[in-house]
Amino acid sequence: MTISTILASVSTDSFTNTILEVVHSTGKHFGSHIEVLHVRADPKALVPYTGEGMDSAMIEEIMDATERESMERARRVRQSYTEFCDSHNDITEGKSAISSGTTFSWREEIGREDEVISIRGRLFDLIAVGRPVKDSSLPSPITLEAALLDTGRPVLLVPPKPPISIGQNIAVAWESSPEATRAISSALPILQNANKVMLLVRDPMEPPEIDAADCLERLSWSGINAEILRFSGNEEEIGAAYLRWSKEVGADMLVKGAYGRSRVRQMILGGRTRHIISNADIPVLLSR
């Protein structure tokens, strides 16, 4: 198994370098092609949301201001992308299936970022998006939801600050759910390159459908020698526990199934996936 293609969504220049560092570190193990996608807002899409009583001149002024802001943001993001590629000798820019190393390409579209990602993302082996940050509209949580729920692809959630390493010491949130097993299957190429893999297992109140030892045996057939770390905790604290124990074992990536319960319930009431999405400071590979 391999990861041949990665789609990296970059929406703001403050996050671009971190996302590019993470996808580069991930993709170089597989000689991946990485498409860096920036979606500019379409000013025309704002027209239905303008206030009543606005005349055409006011609406046009708002659209012009939105266009200028969108163009300037795209310019800054593109500049960050260019500088990143120029500073890495092992990157070939452009689309080439015969390249022996990692290749990067730039793609810019106009529209709604979540809608573009939900369609474009289906073509790639892995999608990388920035983790939503408190008090900031970018990276957009709506884009993350679209990547997770509408593409059928695993999503690599990138934290605001670049990690020192990625994929060398991996923690796996083991829950014996279809989402958890799918996340592990999606992460197999990365797990096979890791120096250490640790299954984080909460001691259950009742026997799980699939024991963690069975997961260990399955991983061994893929050449992955994993260990089990068991911990106690209630349902409300388990998301925080996964992050805490990931830090305790020195993990530089967490693998987890996303939205195991009702998505609406988790979005409204919170939940372990929501907590991790809001607080992770290491890359998290999510799959649903």
Protein backbone atom coordinates (compact mmCIF):
# COMPACT_ATOMS: atom_id res chain seq x y z
CA MET A 1 0.00 0.00 0.00
CA THR A 2 1.09 3.56 -0.61
CA ILE A 3 -0.09 7.14 -0.65
CA SER A 4 0.37 8.26 -4.23
CA THR A 5 -1.56 11.53 -4.08
CA ILE A 6 -2.31 14.11 -1.39
CA LEU A 7 -4.62 17.11 -1.61
CA ALA A 8 -3.52 19.95 0.68
CA SER A 9 -6.11 22.65 1.30
CA VAL A 10 -4.52 26.02 2.10
CA SER A 11 -6.84 28.91 2.93
CA THR A 12 -4.61 31.42 4.71
CA ASP A 13 -0.91 32.27 4.53
CA SER A 14 -0.51 31.96 8.31
CA PHE A 15 -1.25 28.22 8.04
CA THR A 16 0.28 27.43 4.66
CA ASN A 17 3.83 26.64 5.76
CA THR A 18 2.70 24.27 8.50
CA ILE A 19 0.41 22.35 6.16
CA LEU A 20 3.12 22.14 3.49
CA GLU A 21 5.69 20.92 6.03
CA VAL A 22 3.34 18.17 7.21
CA VAL A 23 2.33 16.94 3.75
CA HIS A 24 5.93 17.09 2.56
CA SER A 25 7.12 15.03 5.54
CA THR A 26 4.32 12.55 4.94
CA GLY A 27 4.55 12.37 1.17
CA LYS A 28 8.32 12.03 0.82
CA HIS A 29 8.16 8.46 2.16
CA PHE A 30 5.98 7.48 -0.78
CA GLY A 31 7.13 9.78 -3.59
CA SER A 32 3.66 11.32 -3.47
CA HIS A 33 2.27 13.98 -5.75
CA ILE A 34 0.86 16.80 -3.62
CA GLU A 35 -1.71 19.17 -5.07
CA VAL A 36 -1.90 22.41 -3.10
CA LEU A 37 -5.38 23.86 -3.46
CA HIS A 38 -6.50 27.40 -2.66
CA VAL A 39 -10.14 28.37 -3.16
CA ARG A 40 -10.93 32.06 -3.60
CA ALA A 41 -14.30 33.31 -2.46
CA ASP A 42 -16.77 34.16 -5.21
CA PRO A 43 -18.08 37.70 -4.53
CA LYS A 44 -21.30 36.91 -6.42
CA ALA A 45 -22.13 34.29 -3.80
CA LEU A 46 -22.51 37.07 -1.22
CA VAL A 47 -25.38 38.79 -3.03
CA PRO A 48 -28.17 36.68 -1.44
CA TYR A 49 -26.80 37.54 2.02
CA THR A 50 -26.63 41.31 1.65
CA GLY A 51 -29.02 43.28 3.82
CA GLU A 52 -32.38 44.53 2.70
CA GLY A 53 -32.46 48.12 1.59
CA MET A 54 -29.00 48.05 0.01
CA ASP A 55 -28.88 49.63 -3.40
CA SER A 56 -26.87 48.26 -6.30
CA ALA A 57 -23.96 50.63 -5.65
CA MET A 58 -23.59 49.39 -2.07
CA ILE A 59 -23.77 45.75 -3.15
CA GLU A 60 -21.17 46.34 -5.85
CA GLU A 61 -18.90 48.04 -3.32
CA ILE A 62 -19.14 45.01 -1.00
CA MET A 63 -18.42 42.65 -3.88
CA ASP A 64 -15.40 44.71 -4.97
CA ALA A 65 -14.01 44.75 -1.42
CA THR A 66 -14.50 40.98 -1.14
CA GLU A 67 -12.76 40.45 -4.47
CA ARG A 68 -9.77 42.58 -3.44
CA GLU A 69 -9.44 40.77 -0.12
CA SER A 70 -9.75 37.38 -1.81
CA MET A 71 -7.13 38.23 -4.43
CA GLU A 72 -4.69 39.54 -1.82
CA ARG A 73 -5.11 36.42 0.35
CA ALA A 74 -4.53 34.20 -2.69
CA ARG A 75 -1.40 36.18 -3.56
CA ARG A 76 0.04 35.72 -0.07
CA VAL A 77 -0.79 32.00 0.02
CA ARG A 78 0.73 31.48 -3.44
CA GLN A 79 3.86 33.34 -2.37
CA SER A 80 4.20 31.10 0.70
CA TYR A 81 3.79 28.05 -1.54
CA THR A 82 6.45 29.26 -4.00
CA GLU A 83 8.92 30.08 -1.24
CA PHE A 84 8.39 26.66 0.34
CA CYS A 85 9.04 24.80 -2.91
CA ASP A 86 12.11 26.94 -3.65
CA SER A 87 13.58 26.19 -0.22
CA HIS A 88 13.36 22.38 -0.58
CA ASN A 89 15.76 20.73 -3.02
CA ASP A 90 13.90 17.42 -2.91
CA ILE A 91 10.69 18.90 -4.33
CA THR A 92 9.88 18.86 -8.04
CA GLU A 93 7.22 21.38 -8.93
CA GLY A 94 4.72 20.29 -11.55
CA LYS A 95 2.78 17.16 -12.39
CA SER A 96 5.01 14.27 -13.38
CA ALA A 97 4.15 10.61 -12.92
CA ILE A 98 7.74 9.63 -13.75
CA SER A 99 9.41 11.73 -11.04
CA SER A 100 11.34 9.67 -8.49
CA GLY A 101 10.66 12.09 -5.64
CA THR A 102 7.91 14.23 -4.19
CA THR A 103 6.13 16.54 -6.61
CA PHE A 104 4.04 19.60 -5.81
CA SER A 105 1.55 21.48 -7.96
CA TRP A 106 -0.60 24.57 -7.38
CA ARG A 107 -4.32 24.75 -8.09
CA GLU A 108 -6.55 27.77 -7.60
CA GLU A 109 -10.33 27.77 -7.91
CA ILE A 110 -13.16 30.21 -7.27
CA GLY A 111 -16.17 29.16 -5.23
CA ARG A 112 -16.97 27.76 -1.81
CA GLU A 113 -14.02 25.95 -0.30
CA ASP A 114 -16.13 23.20 1.30
CA GLU A 115 -17.93 22.45 -1.98
CA VAL A 116 -14.69 22.33 -3.97
CA ILE A 117 -13.01 20.05 -1.40
CA SER A 118 -16.03 17.73 -1.21
CA ILE A 119 -15.70 17.02 -4.95
CA ARG A 120 -11.99 17.45 -5.69
CA GLY A 121 -10.98 15.50 -2.60
CA ARG A 122 -12.52 12.27 -3.90
CA LEU A 123 -9.66 11.93 -6.39
CA PHE A 124 -6.88 11.74 -3.80
CA ASP A 125 -5.53 9.12 -1.40
CA LEU A 126 -5.32 11.61 1.47
CA ILE A 127 -6.66 15.10 2.19
CA ALA A 128 -4.79 17.52 4.48
CA VAL A 129 -6.62 20.46 6.07
CA GLY A 130 -5.75 22.92 8.81
CA ARG A 131 -7.26 22.50 12.24
CA PRO A 132 -9.93 25.12 12.97
CA VAL A 133 -8.64 27.74 15.40
CA LYS A 134 -10.67 29.55 18.04
CA ASP A 135 -11.70 33.11 17.12
CA SER A 136 -10.68 32.64 13.48
CA SER A 137 -12.82 31.81 10.45
CA LEU A 138 -9.88 30.19 8.66
CA PRO A 139 -9.14 27.32 8.39
CA SER A 140 -12.86 26.67 8.09
CA PRO A 141 -14.52 23.94 10.20
CA ILE A 142 -17.06 23.59 7.39
CA THR A 143 -14.26 22.59 5.01
CA LEU A 144 -13.05 19.97 7.49
CA GLU A 145 -16.58 18.57 7.81
CA ALA A 146 -16.87 18.39 4.01
CA ALA A 147 -13.55 16.57 3.69
CA LEU A 148 -14.52 14.07 6.39
CA LEU A 149 -18.13 13.44 5.43
CA ASP A 150 -18.38 13.97 1.67
CA THR A 151 -15.22 12.55 0.09
CA GLY A 152 -14.86 9.02 1.45
CA ARG A 153 -11.15 9.76 1.98
CA PRO A 154 -8.99 9.88 5.11
CA VAL A 155 -8.24 13.37 6.36
CA LEU A 156 -5.00 14.55 7.93
CA LEU A 157 -5.81 17.31 10.42
CA VAL A 158 -2.85 19.71 10.70
CA PRO A 159 -2.28 21.70 13.93
CA PRO A 160 -1.41 25.42 13.89
CA LYS A 161 2.24 24.88 14.86
CA PRO A 162 4.52 22.61 12.80
CA PRO A 163 5.49 19.40 14.62
CA ILE A 164 9.15 18.51 15.12
CA SER A 165 8.52 15.12 13.50
CA ILE A 166 5.55 13.36 11.96
CA GLY A 167 4.66 9.69 11.66
CA GLN A 168 7.64 8.32 13.59
CA ASN A 169 5.78 7.57 16.82
CA ILE A 170 2.06 7.01 16.21
CA ALA A 171 -0.77 6.63 18.70
CA VAL A 172 -3.95 4.86 17.59
CA ALA A 173 -7.27 5.50 19.34
CA TRP A 174 -8.67 1.96 19.45
CA GLU A 175 -12.46 1.73 19.82
CA SER A 176 -13.32 -1.46 17.83
CA SER A 177 -15.83 0.56 15.79
CA PRO A 178 -16.12 0.47 11.97
CA GLU A 179 -14.74 4.02 11.91
CA ALA A 180 -11.71 3.06 14.00
CA THR A 181 -10.87 0.02 11.87
CA ARG A 182 -11.31 2.09 8.72
CA ALA A 183 -8.94 4.73 10.09
CA ILE A 184 -6.31 2.07 10.80
CA SER A 185 -6.72 0.63 7.31
CA SER A 186 -6.32 4.11 5.79
CA ALA A 187 -3.23 4.74 7.91
CA LEU A 188 -1.45 1.43 7.13
CA PRO A 189 1.16 2.95 4.77
CA ILE A 190 2.07 5.53 7.41
CA LEU A 191 2.01 3.00 10.25
CA GLN A 192 4.38 0.74 8.31
CA ASN A 193 6.95 3.56 8.18
CA ALA A 194 6.68 4.38 11.89
CA ASN A 195 9.32 3.50 14.47
CA LYS A 196 6.68 2.91 17.14
CA VAL A 197 2.91 2.30 17.14
CA MET A 198 0.88 2.41 20.35
CA LEU A 199 -2.80 1.42 20.64
CA LEU A 200 -4.55 3.58 23.23
CA VAL A 201 -7.31 1.48 24.76
CA ARG A 202 -9.82 2.68 27.34
CA ASP A 203 -10.74 -0.07 29.79
CA PRO A 204 -14.38 -0.79 28.90
CA MET A 205 -17.30 -1.39 31.23
CA GLU A 206 -18.17 -4.42 29.10
CA PRO A 207 -16.20 -6.57 26.62
CA PRO A 208 -15.60 -4.81 23.26
CA GLU A 209 -16.77 -6.27 19.98
CA ILE A 210 -13.14 -6.61 18.86
CA ASP A 211 -10.38 -6.90 21.42
CA ALA A 212 -7.28 -4.74 21.02
CA ALA A 213 -5.15 -7.91 20.95
CA ASP A 214 -6.94 -8.94 17.75
CA CYS A 215 -6.06 -5.58 16.24
CA LEU A 216 -2.42 -6.13 17.21
CA GLU A 217 -2.46 -9.47 15.40
CA ARG A 218 -3.99 -7.85 12.32
CA LEU A 219 -1.31 -5.15 12.30
CA SER A 220 1.44 -7.77 12.61
CA TRP A 221 0.34 -9.27 9.29
CA SER A 222 1.19 -5.89 7.75
CA GLY A 223 4.63 -5.88 9.37
CA ILE A 224 3.62 -3.48 12.16
CA ASN A 225 4.75 -4.33 15.69
CA ALA A 226 2.37 -2.35 17.88
CA GLU A 227 1.93 -2.16 21.65
CA ILE A 228 -1.13 -1.61 23.84
CA LEU A 229 -1.53 1.07 26.49
CA ARG A 230 -4.69 0.72 28.59
CA PHE A 231 -6.18 3.59 30.56
CA SER A 232 -9.30 4.34 32.56
CA GLY A 233 -11.71 7.18 31.93
CA ASN A 234 -15.36 8.02 31.52
CA GLU A 235 -17.13 8.63 28.21
CA GLU A 236 -17.11 12.42 28.58
CA GLU A 237 -13.34 12.63 29.07
CA ILE A 238 -12.14 10.13 26.49
CA GLY A 239 -11.30 12.67 23.75
CA ALA A 240 -9.08 14.57 26.16
CA ALA A 241 -7.60 11.27 27.37
CA TYR A 242 -6.56 10.30 23.85
CA LEU A 243 -4.70 13.60 23.47
CA ARG A 244 -3.18 13.35 26.95
CA TRP A 245 -1.91 9.80 26.47
CA SER A 246 -0.66 10.61 22.98
CA LYS A 247 1.50 13.26 24.60
CA GLU A 248 2.58 10.88 27.38
CA VAL A 249 3.93 8.32 24.90
CA GLY A 250 5.59 11.02 22.78
CA ALA A 251 3.35 10.48 19.75
CA ASP A 252 3.78 12.80 16.79
CA MET A 253 0.54 11.61 15.14
CA LEU A 254 -2.81 10.26 16.29
CA VAL A 255 -4.98 7.92 14.20
CA LYS A 256 -8.69 7.93 15.00
CA GLY A 257 -12.07 7.03 13.59
CA ALA A 258 -14.30 10.09 13.22
CA TYR A 259 -17.90 10.60 14.31
CA GLY A 260 -18.72 7.13 15.55
CA ARG A 261 -22.02 8.29 17.04
CA SER A 262 -24.63 10.47 15.38
CA ARG A 263 -22.86 13.30 13.61
CA VAL A 264 -25.59 15.77 14.61
CA ARG A 265 -25.34 14.68 18.25
CA GLN A 266 -21.57 15.21 18.25
CA MET A 267 -21.79 18.58 16.50
CA ILE A 268 -24.36 19.87 19.00
CA LEU A 269 -23.25 18.23 22.24
CA GLY A 270 -19.58 17.79 21.49
CA GLY A 271 -17.90 14.39 21.73
CA ARG A 272 -14.48 12.82 21.49
CA THR A 273 -14.00 13.67 17.79
CA ARG A 274 -15.10 17.27 18.33
CA HIS A 275 -12.74 17.65 21.30
CA ILE A 276 -9.79 16.31 19.33
CA ILE A 277 -10.59 18.51 16.32
CA SER A 278 -10.65 21.56 18.59
CA ASN A 279 -7.58 20.81 20.71
CA ALA A 280 -5.06 18.55 18.96
CA ASP A 281 -1.51 19.91 18.79
CA ILE A 282 -0.21 16.97 16.73
CA PRO A 283 -1.40 15.84 13.29
CA VAL A 284 -4.46 13.59 13.47
CA LEU A 285 -5.43 11.14 10.75
CA LEU A 286 -9.22 10.86 10.77
CA SER A 287 -11.43 8.50 8.80
CA ARG A 288 -15.14 7.85 8.83
